[in-house]
Amino acid sequence: MELSFSGIIPNTPVDDSPTIWLDEDSGDLLIQSYRATDDEVAACQKIGSVPGHSTDVPDHETIIRLPAVMLQYIPRPEGGDGEVPRT
């Protein structure tokens, strides 16, 4: 796996640093951010996603809160075809 740094929340203190990295091989994002509160998780479960899909969060997953300012660091596809460019 080859990662590249995408960005860190501006003016972040040393011990509070939401960060985004891009896996250059798969195009996946690795995101360090704030863990969602129990109330936020419950709200997500209440809304759900697609009909019939479980709203449980498996042990190998978590819900994070990504500050809006971090959206600028998420790679955008070139050409608008919905695919993340691979290197």
PDB file of N, CA and C in Angstrom:
ATOM      1  N   MET A   1       0.853  -1.167   0.000  1.00  0.00           N
ATOM      2  CA  MET A   1       0.000   0.000   0.000  1.00  0.00           C
ATOM      3  C   MET A   1       0.898   1.229   0.000  1.00  0.00           C
ATOM      4  N   GLU A   2       0.626   2.133  -0.931  1.00  0.00           N
ATOM      5  CA  GLU A   2       1.358   3.399  -0.981  1.00  0.00           C
ATOM      6  C   GLU A   2       0.384   4.525  -0.676  1.00  0.00           C
ATOM      7  N   LEU A   3       0.650   5.255   0.407  1.00  0.00           N
ATOM      8  CA  LEU A   3      -0.227   6.340   0.821  1.00  0.00           C
ATOM      9  C   LEU A   3       0.368   7.679   0.463  1.00  0.00           C
ATOM     10  N   SER A   4      -0.518   8.634   0.194  1.00  0.00           N
ATOM     11  CA  SER A   4      -0.092  10.021   0.058  1.00  0.00           C
ATOM     12  C   SER A   4      -0.937  10.852   1.013  1.00  0.00           C
ATOM     13  N   PHE A   5      -0.326  11.860   1.600  1.00  0.00           N
ATOM     14  CA  PHE A   5      -0.993  12.763   2.517  1.00  0.00           C
ATOM     15  C   PHE A   5      -1.879  13.700   1.718  1.00  0.00           C
ATOM     16  N   SER A   6      -3.145  13.833   2.116  1.00  0.00           N
ATOM     17  CA  SER A   6      -4.056  14.749   1.429  1.00  0.00           C
ATOM     18  C   SER A   6      -4.220  16.058   2.183  1.00  0.00           C
ATOM     19  N   GLY A   7      -4.388  15.979   3.512  1.00  0.00           N
ATOM     20  CA  GLY A   7      -4.548  17.213   4.261  1.00  0.00           C
ATOM     21  C   GLY A   7      -4.859  16.972   5.725  1.00  0.00           C
ATOM     22  N   ILE A   8      -4.651  18.017   6.506  1.00  0.00           N
ATOM     23  CA  ILE A   8      -4.930  18.007   7.936  1.00  0.00           C
ATOM     24  C   ILE A   8      -5.758  19.249   8.245  1.00  0.00           C
ATOM     25  N   ILE A   9      -6.619  19.171   9.231  1.00  0.00           N
ATOM     26  CA  ILE A   9      -7.475  20.314   9.544  1.00  0.00           C
ATOM     27  C   ILE A   9      -6.587  21.518   9.862  1.00  0.00           C
ATOM     28  N   PRO A  10      -6.869  22.658   9.262  1.00  0.00           N
ATOM     29  CA  PRO A  10      -6.026  23.834   9.465  1.00  0.00           C
ATOM     30  C   PRO A  10      -5.968  24.258  10.933  1.00  0.00           C
ATOM     31  N   ASN A  11      -4.812  24.761  11.333  1.00  0.00           N
ATOM     32  CA  ASN A  11      -4.603  25.301  12.682  1.00  0.00           C
ATOM     33  C   ASN A  11      -4.941  24.311  13.780  1.00  0.00           C
ATOM     34  N   THR A  12      -4.699  23.036  13.532  1.00  0.00           N
ATOM     35  CA  THR A  12      -5.022  22.013  14.515  1.00  0.00           C
ATOM     36  C   THR A  12      -3.946  21.940  15.593  1.00  0.00           C
ATOM     37  N   PRO A  13      -4.356  21.718  16.849  1.00  0.00           N
ATOM     38  CA  PRO A  13      -3.345  21.505  17.885  1.00  0.00           C
ATOM     39  C   PRO A  13      -2.638  20.171  17.667  1.00  0.00           C
ATOM     40  N   VAL A  14      -1.528  19.985  18.312  1.00  0.00           N
ATOM     41  CA  VAL A  14      -0.705  18.786  18.130  1.00  0.00           C
ATOM     42  C   VAL A  14      -1.479  17.504  18.419  1.00  0.00           C
ATOM     43  N   ASP A  15      -2.368  17.529  19.398  1.00  0.00           N
ATOM     44  CA  ASP A  15      -3.053  16.302  19.808  1.00  0.00           C
ATOM     45  C   ASP A  15      -4.509  16.234  19.329  1.00  0.00           C
ATOM     46  N   ASP A  16      -4.875  16.997  18.343  1.00  0.00           N
ATOM     47  CA  ASP A  16      -6.250  17.011  17.836  1.00  0.00           C
ATOM     48  C   ASP A  16      -6.160  17.266  16.338  1.00  0.00           C
ATOM     49  N   SER A  17      -5.981  16.189  15.570  1.00  0.00           N
ATOM     50  CA  SER A  17      -5.565  16.417  14.185  1.00  0.00           C
ATOM     51  C   SER A  17      -6.281  15.534  13.168  1.00  0.00           C
ATOM     52  N   PRO A  18      -7.547  15.822  12.840  1.00  0.00           N
ATOM     53  CA  PRO A  18      -8.183  15.097  11.751  1.00  0.00           C
ATOM     54  C   PRO A  18      -7.330  15.190  10.480  1.00  0.00           C
ATOM     55  N   THR A  19      -7.113  14.043   9.850  1.00  0.00           N
ATOM     56  CA  THR A  19      -6.187  13.937   8.724  1.00  0.00           C
ATOM     57  C   THR A  19      -6.775  13.007   7.671  1.00  0.00           C
ATOM     58  N   ILE A  20      -6.447  13.261   6.401  1.00  0.00           N
ATOM     59  CA  ILE A  20      -6.883  12.395   5.310  1.00  0.00           C
ATOM     60  C   ILE A  20      -5.659  11.967   4.497  1.00  0.00           C
ATOM     61  N   TRP A  21      -5.615  10.662   4.195  1.00  0.00           N
ATOM     62  CA  TRP A  21      -4.588  10.097   3.324  1.00  0.00           C
ATOM     63  C   TRP A  21      -5.283   9.368   2.175  1.00  0.00           C
ATOM     64  N   LEU A  22      -4.638   9.278   1.043  1.00  0.00           N
ATOM     65  CA  LEU A  22      -5.144   8.557  -0.125  1.00  0.00           C
ATOM     66  C   LEU A  22      -4.290   7.326  -0.348  1.00  0.00           C
ATOM     67  N   ASP A  23      -4.936   6.163  -0.460  1.00  0.00           N
ATOM     68  CA  ASP A  23      -4.247   4.933  -0.843  1.00  0.00           C
ATOM     69  C   ASP A  23      -4.075   4.997  -2.353  1.00  0.00           C
ATOM     70  N   GLU A  24      -2.860   5.210  -2.795  1.00  0.00           N
ATOM     71  CA  GLU A  24      -2.572   5.386  -4.223  1.00  0.00           C
ATOM     72  C   GLU A  24      -2.870   4.128  -5.035  1.00  0.00           C
ATOM     73  N   ASP A  25      -2.847   2.966  -4.389  1.00  0.00           N
ATOM     74  CA  ASP A  25      -3.096   1.717  -5.108  1.00  0.00           C
ATOM     75  C   ASP A  25      -4.582   1.476  -5.358  1.00  0.00           C
ATOM     76  N   SER A  26      -5.415   1.717  -4.338  1.00  0.00           N
ATOM     77  CA  SER A  26      -6.838   1.393  -4.455  1.00  0.00           C
ATOM     78  C   SER A  26      -7.722   2.610  -4.684  1.00  0.00           C
ATOM     79  N   GLY A  27      -7.216   3.812  -4.368  1.00  0.00           N
ATOM     80  CA  GLY A  27      -8.040   5.008  -4.434  1.00  0.00           C
ATOM     81  C   GLY A  27      -8.850   5.235  -3.174  1.00  0.00           C
ATOM     82  N   ASP A  28      -8.719   4.335  -2.191  1.00  0.00           N
ATOM     83  CA  ASP A  28      -9.448   4.476  -0.932  1.00  0.00           C
ATOM     84  C   ASP A  28      -8.883   5.629  -0.117  1.00  0.00           C
ATOM     85  N   LEU A  29      -9.733   6.200   0.736  1.00  0.00           N
ATOM     86  CA  LEU A  29      -9.303   7.239   1.665  1.00  0.00           C
ATOM     87  C   LEU A  29      -9.160   6.636   3.049  1.00  0.00           C
ATOM     88  N   LEU A  30      -8.131   7.023   3.755  1.00  0.00           N
ATOM     89  CA  LEU A  30      -7.977   6.691   5.159  1.00  0.00           C
ATOM     90  C   LEU A  30      -8.172   7.998   5.910  1.00  0.00           C
ATOM     91  N   ILE A  31      -9.112   8.000   6.845  1.00  0.00           N
ATOM     92  CA  ILE A  31      -9.501   9.239   7.506  1.00  0.00           C
ATOM     93  C   ILE A  31      -9.379   9.091   9.011  1.00  0.00           C
ATOM     94  N   GLN A  32      -8.616   9.986   9.602  1.00  0.00           N
ATOM     95  CA  GLN A  32      -8.563  10.116  11.053  1.00  0.00           C
ATOM     96  C   GLN A  32      -9.428  11.311  11.400  1.00  0.00           C
ATOM     97  N   SER A  33     -10.431  11.099  12.233  1.00  0.00           N
ATOM     98  CA  SER A  33     -11.293  12.209  12.600  1.00  0.00           C
ATOM     99  C   SER A  33     -11.973  11.902  13.916  1.00  0.00           C
ATOM    100  N   TYR A  34     -12.941  12.714  14.257  1.00  0.00           N
ATOM    101  CA  TYR A  34     -13.634  12.577  15.526  1.00  0.00           C
ATOM    102  C   TYR A  34     -14.627  11.429  15.470  1.00  0.00           C
ATOM    103  N   ARG A  35     -14.605  10.577  16.489  1.00  0.00           N
ATOM    104  CA  ARG A  35     -15.579   9.487  16.577  1.00  0.00           C
ATOM    105  C   ARG A  35     -16.952  10.103  16.822  1.00  0.00           C
ATOM    106  N   ALA A  36     -17.947   9.627  16.114  1.00  0.00           N
ATOM    107  CA  ALA A  36     -19.301  10.129  16.303  1.00  0.00           C
ATOM    108  C   ALA A  36     -19.781   9.793  17.713  1.00  0.00           C
ATOM    109  N   THR A  37     -20.566  10.695  18.274  1.00  0.00           N
ATOM    110  CA  THR A  37     -21.125  10.455  19.604  1.00  0.00           C
ATOM    111  C   THR A  37     -22.227   9.403  19.507  1.00  0.00           C
ATOM    112  N   ASP A  38     -22.634   8.881  20.645  1.00  0.00           N
ATOM    113  CA  ASP A  38     -23.732   7.908  20.659  1.00  0.00           C
ATOM    114  C   ASP A  38     -25.002   8.510  20.064  1.00  0.00           C
ATOM    115  N   ASP A  39     -25.260   9.792  20.353  1.00  0.00           N
ATOM    116  CA  ASP A  39     -26.441  10.457  19.795  1.00  0.00           C
ATOM    117  C   ASP A  39     -26.350  10.575  18.276  1.00  0.00           C
ATOM    118  N   GLU A  40     -25.149  10.870  17.758  1.00  0.00           N
ATOM    119  CA  GLU A  40     -24.962  10.978  16.307  1.00  0.00           C
ATOM    120  C   GLU A  40     -25.141   9.621  15.637  1.00  0.00           C
ATOM    121  N   VAL A  41     -24.597   8.561  16.262  1.00  0.00           N
ATOM    122  CA  VAL A  41     -24.756   7.211  15.710  1.00  0.00           C
ATOM    123  C   VAL A  41     -26.238   6.836  15.694  1.00  0.00           C
ATOM    124  N   ALA A  42     -26.945   7.134  16.792  1.00  0.00           N
ATOM    125  CA  ALA A  42     -28.378   6.822  16.853  1.00  0.00           C
ATOM    126  C   ALA A  42     -29.144   7.574  15.766  1.00  0.00           C
ATOM    127  N   ALA A  43     -28.772   8.835  15.516  1.00  0.00           N
ATOM    128  CA  ALA A  43     -29.425   9.615  14.456  1.00  0.00           C
ATOM    129  C   ALA A  43     -29.170   8.986  13.092  1.00  0.00           C
ATOM    130  N   CYS A  44     -27.946   8.533  12.842  1.00  0.00           N
ATOM    131  CA  CYS A  44     -27.631   7.865  11.574  1.00  0.00           C
ATOM    132  C   CYS A  44     -28.448   6.587  11.432  1.00  0.00           C
ATOM    133  N   GLN A  45     -28.558   5.833  12.527  1.00  0.00           N
ATOM    134  CA  GLN A  45     -29.327   4.588  12.480  1.00  0.00           C
ATOM    135  C   GLN A  45     -30.812   4.868  12.245  1.00  0.00           C
ATOM    136  N   LYS A  46     -31.316   5.950  12.799  1.00  0.00           N
ATOM    137  CA  LYS A  46     -32.722   6.310  12.616  1.00  0.00           C
ATOM    138  C   LYS A  46     -33.012   6.622  11.150  1.00  0.00           C
ATOM    139  N   ILE A  47     -32.108   7.377  10.508  1.00  0.00           N
ATOM    140  CA  ILE A  47     -32.257   7.719   9.091  1.00  0.00           C
ATOM    141  C   ILE A  47     -32.068   6.485   8.220  1.00  0.00           C
ATOM    142  N   GLY A  48     -31.073   5.649   8.550  1.00  0.00           N
ATOM    143  CA  GLY A  48     -30.800   4.458   7.766  1.00  0.00           C
ATOM    144  C   GLY A  48     -30.130   4.793   6.443  1.00  0.00           C
ATOM    145  N   SER A  49     -30.117   3.829   5.540  1.00  0.00           N
ATOM    146  CA  SER A  49     -29.493   4.053   4.235  1.00  0.00           C
ATOM    147  C   SER A  49     -30.405   3.542   3.135  1.00  0.00           C
ATOM    148  N   VAL A  50     -30.343   2.269   2.829  1.00  0.00           N
ATOM    149  CA  VAL A  50     -31.220   1.710   1.797  1.00  0.00           C
ATOM    150  C   VAL A  50     -32.203   0.746   2.461  1.00  0.00           C
ATOM    151  N   PRO A  51     -33.411   0.638   1.927  1.00  0.00           N
ATOM    152  CA  PRO A  51     -34.407  -0.245   2.532  1.00  0.00           C
ATOM    153  C   PRO A  51     -33.882  -1.668   2.702  1.00  0.00           C
ATOM    154  N   GLY A  52     -34.120  -2.214   3.885  1.00  0.00           N
ATOM    155  CA  GLY A  52     -33.716  -3.589   4.160  1.00  0.00           C
ATOM    156  C   GLY A  52     -32.280  -3.761   4.605  1.00  0.00           C
ATOM    157  N   HIS A  53     -31.501  -2.691   4.594  1.00  0.00           N
ATOM    158  CA  HIS A  53     -30.100  -2.778   4.997  1.00  0.00           C
ATOM    159  C   HIS A  53     -29.996  -2.503   6.487  1.00  0.00           C
ATOM    160  N   SER A  54     -29.204  -3.287   7.181  1.00  0.00           N
ATOM    161  CA  SER A  54     -29.042  -3.140   8.630  1.00  0.00           C
ATOM    162  C   SER A  54     -28.516  -1.749   8.988  1.00  0.00           C
ATOM    163  N   THR A  55     -28.975  -1.236  10.108  1.00  0.00           N
ATOM    164  CA  THR A  55     -28.444   0.041  10.595  1.00  0.00           C
ATOM    165  C   THR A  55     -27.414  -0.175  11.693  1.00  0.00           C
ATOM    166  N   ASP A  56     -27.126  -1.449  12.017  1.00  0.00           N
ATOM    167  CA  ASP A  56     -26.089  -1.736  13.005  1.00  0.00           C
ATOM    168  C   ASP A  56     -24.730  -1.354  12.443  1.00  0.00           C
ATOM    169  N   VAL A  57     -23.833  -0.911  13.319  1.00  0.00           N
ATOM    170  CA  VAL A  57     -22.457  -0.609  12.923  1.00  0.00           C
ATOM    171  C   VAL A  57     -21.599  -1.790  13.379  1.00  0.00           C
ATOM    172  N   PRO A  58     -21.090  -2.585  12.437  1.00  0.00           N
ATOM    173  CA  PRO A  58     -20.290  -3.754  12.811  1.00  0.00           C
ATOM    174  C   PRO A  58     -19.037  -3.349  13.584  1.00  0.00           C
ATOM    175  N   ASP A  59     -18.495  -4.296  14.342  1.00  0.00           N
ATOM    176  CA  ASP A  59     -17.303  -4.029  15.149  1.00  0.00           C
ATOM    177  C   ASP A  59     -16.116  -3.559  14.319  1.00  0.00           C
ATOM    178  N   HIS A  60     -16.048  -3.968  13.048  1.00  0.00           N
ATOM    179  CA  HIS A  60     -14.913  -3.594  12.202  1.00  0.00           C
ATOM    180  C   HIS A  60     -15.128  -2.257  11.492  1.00  0.00           C
ATOM    181  N   GLU A  61     -16.234  -1.566  11.801  1.00  0.00           N
ATOM    182  CA  GLU A  61     -16.523  -0.260  11.221  1.00  0.00           C
ATOM    183  C   GLU A  61     -16.801   0.744  12.342  1.00  0.00           C
ATOM    184  N   THR A  62     -16.783   2.021  11.995  1.00  0.00           N
ATOM    185  CA  THR A  62     -17.172   3.068  12.923  1.00  0.00           C
ATOM    186  C   THR A  62     -17.755   4.227  12.133  1.00  0.00           C
ATOM    187  N   ILE A  63     -18.452   5.098  12.796  1.00  0.00           N
ATOM    188  CA  ILE A  63     -18.953   6.324  12.173  1.00  0.00           C
ATOM    189  C   ILE A  63     -18.097   7.456  12.702  1.00  0.00           C
ATOM    190  N   ILE A  64     -17.560   8.259  11.792  1.00  0.00           N
ATOM    191  CA  ILE A  64     -16.742   9.399  12.191  1.00  0.00           C
ATOM    192  C   ILE A  64     -17.446  10.687  11.789  1.00  0.00           C
ATOM    193  N   ARG A  65     -17.080  11.757  12.461  1.00  0.00           N
ATOM    194  CA  ARG A  65     -17.558  13.090  12.070  1.00  0.00           C
ATOM    195  C   ARG A  65     -16.395  13.770  11.368  1.00  0.00           C
ATOM    196  N   LEU A  66     -16.594  14.122  10.108  1.00  0.00           N
ATOM    197  CA  LEU A  66     -15.568  14.804   9.326  1.00  0.00           C
ATOM    198  C   LEU A  66     -15.917  16.285   9.269  1.00  0.00           C
ATOM    199  N   PRO A  67     -15.091  17.156   9.864  1.00  0.00           N
ATOM    200  CA  PRO A  67     -15.376  18.585   9.813  1.00  0.00           C
ATOM    201  C   PRO A  67     -15.472  19.069   8.358  1.00  0.00           C
ATOM    202  N   ALA A  68     -16.407  19.963   8.097  1.00  0.00           N
ATOM    203  CA  ALA A  68     -16.642  20.452   6.736  1.00  0.00           C
ATOM    204  C   ALA A  68     -15.376  21.013   6.092  1.00  0.00           C
ATOM    205  N   VAL A  69     -14.521  21.635   6.888  1.00  0.00           N
ATOM    206  CA  VAL A  69     -13.288  22.205   6.342  1.00  0.00           C
ATOM    207  C   VAL A  69     -12.390  21.121   5.725  1.00  0.00           C
ATOM    208  N   MET A  70     -12.575  19.857   6.136  1.00  0.00           N
ATOM    209  CA  MET A  70     -11.757  18.767   5.611  1.00  0.00           C
ATOM    210  C   MET A  70     -12.188  18.314   4.216  1.00  0.00           C
ATOM    211  N   LEU A  71     -13.378  18.706   3.777  1.00  0.00           N
ATOM    212  CA  LEU A  71     -13.851  18.295   2.454  1.00  0.00           C
ATOM    213  C   LEU A  71     -12.917  18.763   1.344  1.00  0.00           C
ATOM    214  N   GLN A  72     -12.211  19.862   1.572  1.00  0.00           N
ATOM    215  CA  GLN A  72     -11.287  20.372   0.555  1.00  0.00           C
ATOM    216  C   GLN A  72     -10.139  19.405   0.272  1.00  0.00           C
ATOM    217  N   TYR A  73      -9.890  18.465   1.170  1.00  0.00           N
ATOM    218  CA  TYR A  73      -8.769  17.539   1.003  1.00  0.00           C
ATOM    219  C   TYR A  73      -9.181  16.206   0.388  1.00  0.00           C
ATOM    220  N   ILE A  74     -10.472  16.011   0.149  1.00  0.00           N
ATOM    221  CA  ILE A  74     -10.916  14.770  -0.464  1.00  0.00           C
ATOM    222  C   ILE A  74     -10.661  14.856  -1.966  1.00  0.00           C
ATOM    223  N   PRO A  75      -9.913  13.887  -2.511  1.00  0.00           N
ATOM    224  CA  PRO A  75      -9.609  13.923  -3.947  1.00  0.00           C
ATOM    225  C   PRO A  75     -10.891  13.893  -4.775  1.00  0.00           C
ATOM    226  N   ARG A  76     -10.919  14.667  -5.824  1.00  0.00           N
ATOM    227  CA  ARG A  76     -12.058  14.730  -6.732  1.00  0.00           C
ATOM    228  C   ARG A  76     -11.683  14.041  -8.039  1.00  0.00           C
ATOM    229  N   PRO A  77     -12.641  13.316  -8.616  1.00  0.00           N
ATOM    230  CA  PRO A  77     -12.343  12.645  -9.889  1.00  0.00           C
ATOM    231  C   PRO A  77     -12.096  13.654 -11.001  1.00  0.00           C
ATOM    232  N   GLU A  78     -11.192  13.296 -11.875  1.00  0.00           N
ATOM    233  CA  GLU A  78     -10.933  14.118 -13.049  1.00  0.00           C
ATOM    234  C   GLU A  78     -11.891  13.674 -14.151  1.00  0.00           C
ATOM    235  N   GLY A  79     -12.449  14.607 -14.871  1.00  0.00           N
ATOM    236  CA  GLY A  79     -13.335  14.259 -15.979  1.00  0.00           C
ATOM    237  C   GLY A  79     -14.775  14.036 -15.575  1.00  0.00           C
ATOM    238  N   GLY A  80     -15.067  14.026 -14.265  1.00  0.00           N
ATOM    239  CA  GLY A  80     -16.441  13.905 -13.812  1.00  0.00           C
ATOM    240  C   GLY A  80     -17.106  12.566 -14.070  1.00  0.00           C
ATOM    241  N   ASP A  81     -16.310  11.473 -14.243  1.00  0.00           N
ATOM    242  CA  ASP A  81     -16.919  10.175 -14.532  1.00  0.00           C
ATOM    243  C   ASP A  81     -17.226   9.376 -13.267  1.00  0.00           C
ATOM    244  N   GLY A  82     -16.986   9.953 -12.084  1.00  0.00           N
ATOM    245  CA  GLY A  82     -17.279   9.264 -10.831  1.00  0.00           C
ATOM    246  C   GLY A  82     -16.166   8.361 -10.352  1.00  0.00           C
ATOM    247  N   GLU A  83     -15.158   8.150 -11.159  1.00  0.00           N
ATOM    248  CA  GLU A  83     -14.030   7.310 -10.772  1.00  0.00           C
ATOM    249  C   GLU A  83     -12.933   8.155 -10.155  1.00  0.00           C
ATOM    250  N   VAL A  84     -12.323   7.645  -9.072  1.00  0.00           N
ATOM    251  CA  VAL A  84     -11.171   8.315  -8.493  1.00  0.00           C
ATOM    252  C   VAL A  84      -9.958   7.911  -9.314  1.00  0.00           C
ATOM    253  N   PRO A  85      -9.168   8.884  -9.783  1.00  0.00           N
ATOM    254  CA  PRO A  85      -8.024   8.536 -10.620  1.00  0.00           C
ATOM    255  C   PRO A  85      -7.012   7.676  -9.855  1.00  0.00           C
ATOM    256  N   ARG A  86      -6.470   6.692 -10.506  1.00  0.00           N
ATOM    257  CA  ARG A  86      -5.453   5.810  -9.928  1.00  0.00           C
ATOM    258  C   ARG A  86      -4.104   6.181 -10.530  1.00  0.00           C
ATOM    259  N   THR A  87      -3.073   6.042  -9.741  1.00  0.00           N
ATOM    260  CA  THR A  87      -1.744   6.335 -10.270  1.00  0.00           C
ATOM    261  C   THR A  87      -1.001   5.055 -10.569  1.00  0.00           C
TER     262      THR A  87
END
